[in-house]
């Protein structure tokens, strides 16, 4: 339910229970903002109401296909960088000691 009060008082109530449930998305936060804008050309005020919905993806398929591989590739890439750096340093050190 949405209720808009006077200019001095702005109230919003958002009934999340009326929304359809979704297995992939979860509503985390709902914010609303009411602005009254008066333009130089016009006498009457214009009301702008903005809603900001923050959603969280909660799909098991998304976690299995995107999140899990990304979290396993990230540390392994650093391990490979350190191994290559170590091999490079050993090669440089051997070149210095051979001369």
N, C-alpha and C. Protein backbone atom coordinates (compact mmCIF):
# COMPACT_ATOMS: atom_id res chain seq x y z
N UNK A 1 0.85 -1.16 0.00
CA UNK A 1 0.00 0.00 0.00
C UNK A 1 0.89 1.23 0.00
N UNK A 2 0.53 2.20 -0.77
CA UNK A 2 1.28 3.44 -0.86
C UNK A 2 0.38 4.56 -0.40
N UNK A 3 0.89 5.39 0.50
CA UNK A 3 0.13 6.53 0.99
C UNK A 3 1.00 7.76 0.90
N UNK A 4 0.51 8.81 0.29
CA UNK A 4 1.25 10.06 0.15
C UNK A 4 0.52 11.14 0.94
N UNK A 5 1.23 11.73 1.91
CA UNK A 5 0.63 12.77 2.74
C UNK A 5 0.78 14.14 2.12
N UNK A 6 0.72 15.16 2.95
CA UNK A 6 0.85 16.53 2.47
C UNK A 6 2.32 16.85 2.23
N UNK A 7 2.61 18.11 1.83
CA UNK A 7 3.99 18.51 1.57
C UNK A 7 4.85 18.37 2.83
N UNK A 8 4.30 18.71 3.98
CA UNK A 8 5.07 18.67 5.21
C UNK A 8 5.25 17.24 5.72
N UNK A 9 4.30 16.39 5.39
CA UNK A 9 4.33 15.04 5.91
C UNK A 9 4.27 14.06 4.75
N UNK A 10 5.28 13.23 4.64
CA UNK A 10 5.32 12.24 3.57
C UNK A 10 5.50 10.87 4.21
N UNK A 11 4.55 10.02 3.96
CA UNK A 11 4.61 8.68 4.53
C UNK A 11 4.53 7.67 3.40
N UNK A 12 5.31 6.64 3.53
CA UNK A 12 5.19 5.53 2.59
C UNK A 12 5.10 4.25 3.38
N UNK A 13 4.29 3.39 2.92
CA UNK A 13 4.27 2.04 3.45
C UNK A 13 4.21 1.12 2.26
N UNK A 14 5.06 0.17 2.27
CA UNK A 14 5.22 -0.72 1.14
C UNK A 14 4.94 -2.12 1.64
N UNK A 15 3.88 -2.73 1.17
CA UNK A 15 3.51 -4.05 1.65
C UNK A 15 4.21 -5.11 0.82
N UNK A 16 5.29 -5.64 1.38
CA UNK A 16 6.05 -6.66 0.68
C UNK A 16 5.30 -7.99 0.59
N UNK A 17 4.35 -8.19 1.48
CA UNK A 17 3.59 -9.44 1.47
C UNK A 17 2.72 -9.56 0.22
N UNK A 18 2.37 -8.43 -0.39
CA UNK A 18 1.54 -8.47 -1.59
C UNK A 18 2.32 -8.82 -2.85
N UNK A 19 3.65 -8.73 -2.79
CA UNK A 19 4.46 -9.04 -3.95
C UNK A 19 4.57 -10.55 -4.15
N UNK A 20 4.76 -10.94 -5.40
CA UNK A 20 4.95 -12.36 -5.69
C UNK A 20 6.34 -12.79 -5.24
N UNK A 21 6.41 -13.98 -4.67
CA UNK A 21 7.71 -14.49 -4.24
C UNK A 21 8.48 -15.00 -5.46
N UNK A 22 9.78 -14.91 -5.35
CA UNK A 22 10.65 -15.31 -6.43
C UNK A 22 11.80 -16.10 -5.82
N UNK A 23 12.12 -17.26 -6.39
CA UNK A 23 13.17 -18.09 -5.82
C UNK A 23 14.56 -17.57 -6.14
N UNK A 24 14.69 -16.65 -7.09
CA UNK A 24 16.00 -16.17 -7.49
C UNK A 24 16.39 -14.84 -6.84
N UNK A 25 15.42 -14.01 -6.50
CA UNK A 25 15.71 -12.68 -5.96
C UNK A 25 15.05 -12.49 -4.61
N UNK A 26 15.73 -11.77 -3.73
CA UNK A 26 15.19 -11.43 -2.41
C UNK A 26 15.28 -9.92 -2.24
N UNK A 27 14.21 -9.30 -1.78
CA UNK A 27 14.21 -7.86 -1.53
C UNK A 27 14.90 -7.61 -0.19
N UNK A 28 15.98 -6.85 -0.22
CA UNK A 28 16.76 -6.57 0.97
C UNK A 28 16.29 -5.28 1.63
N UNK A 29 16.07 -4.25 0.82
CA UNK A 29 15.72 -2.94 1.36
C UNK A 29 14.88 -2.17 0.36
N UNK A 30 13.94 -1.38 0.87
CA UNK A 30 13.12 -0.50 0.05
C UNK A 30 13.23 0.91 0.63
N UNK A 31 13.64 1.86 -0.22
CA UNK A 31 13.73 3.26 0.20
C UNK A 31 12.86 4.09 -0.73
N UNK A 32 12.26 5.13 -0.17
CA UNK A 32 11.47 6.04 -0.99
C UNK A 32 11.87 7.47 -0.68
N UNK A 33 11.72 8.31 -1.70
CA UNK A 33 12.06 9.72 -1.55
C UNK A 33 11.02 10.54 -2.31
N UNK A 34 10.54 11.60 -1.66
CA UNK A 34 9.55 12.49 -2.27
C UNK A 34 10.15 13.88 -2.38
N UNK A 35 10.19 14.39 -3.59
CA UNK A 35 10.70 15.73 -3.85
C UNK A 35 9.60 16.57 -4.48
N UNK A 36 9.53 17.82 -4.08
CA UNK A 36 8.61 18.78 -4.68
C UNK A 36 9.46 19.81 -5.42
N UNK A 37 9.26 19.89 -6.72
CA UNK A 37 10.05 20.78 -7.56
C UNK A 37 9.14 21.86 -8.13
N UNK A 38 9.56 23.11 -7.98
CA UNK A 38 8.83 24.23 -8.57
C UNK A 38 9.75 24.88 -9.61
N UNK A 39 9.26 24.93 -10.83
CA UNK A 39 10.04 25.51 -11.92
C UNK A 39 9.71 27.00 -12.06
N UNK A 40 10.64 27.75 -12.63
CA UNK A 40 10.46 29.19 -12.78
C UNK A 40 9.32 29.52 -13.75
N UNK A 41 9.07 28.64 -14.68
CA UNK A 41 8.06 28.91 -15.70
C UNK A 41 6.64 28.64 -15.22
N UNK A 42 6.50 27.81 -14.19
CA UNK A 42 5.16 27.35 -13.79
C UNK A 42 4.92 27.64 -12.30
N UNK A 43 3.67 27.92 -11.98
CA UNK A 43 3.33 28.21 -10.59
C UNK A 43 3.13 26.94 -9.76
N UNK A 44 2.57 25.91 -10.37
CA UNK A 44 2.23 24.72 -9.60
C UNK A 44 3.49 23.87 -9.35
N UNK A 45 3.55 23.25 -8.19
CA UNK A 45 4.69 22.38 -7.88
C UNK A 45 4.52 21.00 -8.55
N UNK A 46 5.63 20.40 -8.87
CA UNK A 46 5.64 19.06 -9.45
C UNK A 46 6.22 18.10 -8.41
N UNK A 47 5.51 17.01 -8.19
CA UNK A 47 5.92 16.04 -7.18
C UNK A 47 6.61 14.86 -7.88
N UNK A 48 7.78 14.52 -7.36
CA UNK A 48 8.53 13.39 -7.89
C UNK A 48 8.73 12.39 -6.76
N UNK A 49 8.33 11.16 -6.98
CA UNK A 49 8.49 10.11 -5.99
C UNK A 49 9.44 9.07 -6.58
N UNK A 50 10.51 8.77 -5.85
CA UNK A 50 11.52 7.84 -6.32
C UNK A 50 11.62 6.68 -5.35
N UNK A 51 11.59 5.47 -5.87
CA UNK A 51 11.79 4.27 -5.06
C UNK A 51 13.11 3.63 -5.40
N UNK A 52 13.81 3.17 -4.39
CA UNK A 52 15.07 2.45 -4.58
C UNK A 52 14.91 1.07 -3.94
N UNK A 53 14.98 0.04 -4.77
CA UNK A 53 14.88 -1.33 -4.29
C UNK A 53 16.27 -1.96 -4.32
N UNK A 54 16.67 -2.56 -3.23
CA UNK A 54 17.92 -3.29 -3.17
C UNK A 54 17.58 -4.78 -3.18
N UNK A 55 18.09 -5.47 -4.20
CA UNK A 55 17.79 -6.89 -4.37
C UNK A 55 19.05 -7.72 -4.14
N UNK A 56 18.87 -8.96 -3.68
CA UNK A 56 19.96 -9.90 -3.53
C UNK A 56 19.61 -11.16 -4.32
N UNK A 57 20.57 -11.59 -5.11
CA UNK A 57 20.36 -12.81 -5.89
C UNK A 57 20.62 -14.00 -4.99
N UNK A 58 19.68 -14.92 -4.92
CA UNK A 58 19.80 -16.07 -4.03
C UNK A 58 19.60 -17.40 -4.77
N UNK A 59 19.92 -17.42 -6.03
CA UNK A 59 19.74 -18.62 -6.82
C UNK A 59 20.87 -19.62 -6.58
N UNK A 60 20.57 -20.87 -6.28
CA UNK A 60 21.61 -21.88 -6.11
C UNK A 60 22.38 -22.12 -7.42
N UNK A 61 21.69 -21.99 -8.54
CA UNK A 61 22.35 -22.18 -9.83
C UNK A 61 23.38 -21.09 -10.06
N UNK A 62 23.05 -19.86 -9.73
CA UNK A 62 23.98 -18.74 -9.87
C UNK A 62 25.21 -18.96 -8.98
N UNK A 63 24.99 -19.41 -7.76
CA UNK A 63 26.11 -19.67 -6.86
C UNK A 63 26.99 -20.79 -7.39
N UNK A 64 26.39 -21.83 -7.94
CA UNK A 64 27.16 -22.97 -8.43
C UNK A 64 27.92 -22.64 -9.71
N UNK A 65 27.35 -21.84 -10.58
CA UNK A 65 27.97 -21.57 -11.88
C UNK A 65 28.87 -20.34 -11.91
N UNK A 66 28.64 -19.37 -11.02
CA UNK A 66 29.40 -18.12 -11.08
C UNK A 66 30.26 -17.91 -9.83
N UNK A 67 29.66 -17.93 -8.68
CA UNK A 67 30.36 -17.57 -7.45
C UNK A 67 31.42 -18.60 -7.07
N UNK A 68 31.07 -19.87 -7.03
CA UNK A 68 32.02 -20.91 -6.61
C UNK A 68 33.24 -20.98 -7.53
N UNK A 69 33.09 -21.03 -8.87
CA UNK A 69 34.29 -21.04 -9.71
C UNK A 69 35.13 -19.77 -9.56
N UNK A 70 34.48 -18.64 -9.40
CA UNK A 70 35.23 -17.39 -9.27
C UNK A 70 36.06 -17.37 -7.99
N UNK A 71 35.50 -17.89 -6.91
CA UNK A 71 36.25 -17.91 -5.65
C UNK A 71 37.36 -18.95 -5.67
N UNK A 72 37.28 -19.95 -6.51
CA UNK A 72 38.37 -20.93 -6.58
C UNK A 72 39.44 -20.50 -7.58
N UNK A 73 39.08 -19.77 -8.62
CA UNK A 73 40.06 -19.30 -9.61
C UNK A 73 40.89 -18.15 -9.05
N UNK A 74 40.29 -17.31 -8.27
CA UNK A 74 40.99 -16.13 -7.73
C UNK A 74 42.23 -16.52 -6.92
N UNK A 75 42.14 -17.40 -5.92
CA UNK A 75 43.36 -17.77 -5.18
C UNK A 75 44.37 -18.54 -6.03
N UNK A 76 43.89 -19.38 -6.93
CA UNK A 76 44.82 -20.15 -7.75
C UNK A 76 45.60 -19.26 -8.70
N UNK A 77 45.01 -18.15 -9.13
CA UNK A 77 45.76 -17.23 -10.00
C UNK A 77 46.91 -16.58 -9.24
N UNK A 78 46.70 -16.25 -7.96
CA UNK A 78 47.79 -15.70 -7.17
C UNK A 78 48.88 -16.74 -6.93
N UNK A 79 48.49 -17.97 -6.72
CA UNK A 79 49.48 -19.03 -6.55
C UNK A 79 50.33 -19.16 -7.81
N UNK A 80 49.72 -19.12 -8.97
CA UNK A 80 50.47 -19.23 -10.23
C UNK A 80 51.40 -18.03 -10.41
N UNK A 81 50.98 -16.85 -10.03
CA UNK A 81 51.84 -15.67 -10.13
C UNK A 81 53.06 -15.84 -9.25
N UNK A 82 52.86 -16.30 -8.01
CA UNK A 82 54.00 -16.49 -7.11
C UNK A 82 54.93 -17.60 -7.59
N UNK A 83 54.39 -18.67 -8.14
CA UNK A 83 55.23 -19.74 -8.68
C UNK A 83 56.07 -19.21 -9.84
N UNK A 84 55.46 -18.47 -10.75
CA UNK A 84 56.21 -17.90 -11.88
C UNK A 84 57.26 -16.91 -11.40
N UNK A 85 56.94 -16.11 -10.40
CA UNK A 85 57.90 -15.16 -9.86
C UNK A 85 59.07 -15.91 -9.21
N UNK A 86 58.77 -16.95 -8.48
CA UNK A 86 59.80 -17.76 -7.83
C UNK A 86 60.72 -18.40 -8.87
N UNK A 87 60.15 -18.95 -9.94
CA UNK A 87 60.95 -19.55 -11.01
C UNK A 87 61.81 -18.48 -11.69
N UNK A 88 61.26 -17.33 -11.92
CA UNK A 88 62.02 -16.23 -12.54
C UNK A 88 63.19 -15.82 -11.65
N UNK A 89 62.96 -15.68 -10.34
CA UNK A 89 64.02 -15.28 -9.42
C UNK A 89 65.11 -16.34 -9.33
N UNK A 90 64.73 -17.60 -9.35
CA UNK A 90 65.73 -18.67 -9.33
C UNK A 90 66.57 -18.61 -10.60
N UNK A 91 65.94 -18.38 -11.75
CA UNK A 91 66.66 -18.29 -13.01
C UNK A 91 67.62 -17.11 -13.00
N UNK A 92 67.16 -15.97 -12.54
CA UNK A 92 68.02 -14.79 -12.46
C UNK A 92 69.17 -15.03 -11.48
N UNK A 93 68.89 -15.63 -10.35
CA UNK A 93 69.92 -15.90 -9.36
C UNK A 93 70.96 -16.88 -9.92
N UNK A 94 70.52 -17.90 -10.64
CA UNK A 94 71.45 -18.85 -11.26
C UNK A 94 72.30 -18.17 -12.32
N UNK A 95 71.75 -17.25 -13.09
CA UNK A 95 72.51 -16.54 -14.10
C UNK A 95 73.57 -15.66 -13.45
N UNK A 96 73.26 -15.08 -12.30
CA UNK A 96 74.21 -14.21 -11.61
C UNK A 96 75.35 -15.05 -11.00
N UNK A 97 75.00 -16.18 -10.41
CA UNK A 97 76.02 -16.99 -9.74
C UNK A 97 76.90 -17.74 -10.73
N UNK A 98 76.45 -18.03 -11.94
CA UNK A 98 77.23 -18.75 -12.94
C UNK A 98 78.34 -17.87 -13.46
N UNK A 99 78.13 -16.61 -13.60
CA UNK A 99 79.15 -15.71 -14.15
C UNK A 99 80.26 -15.54 -13.23
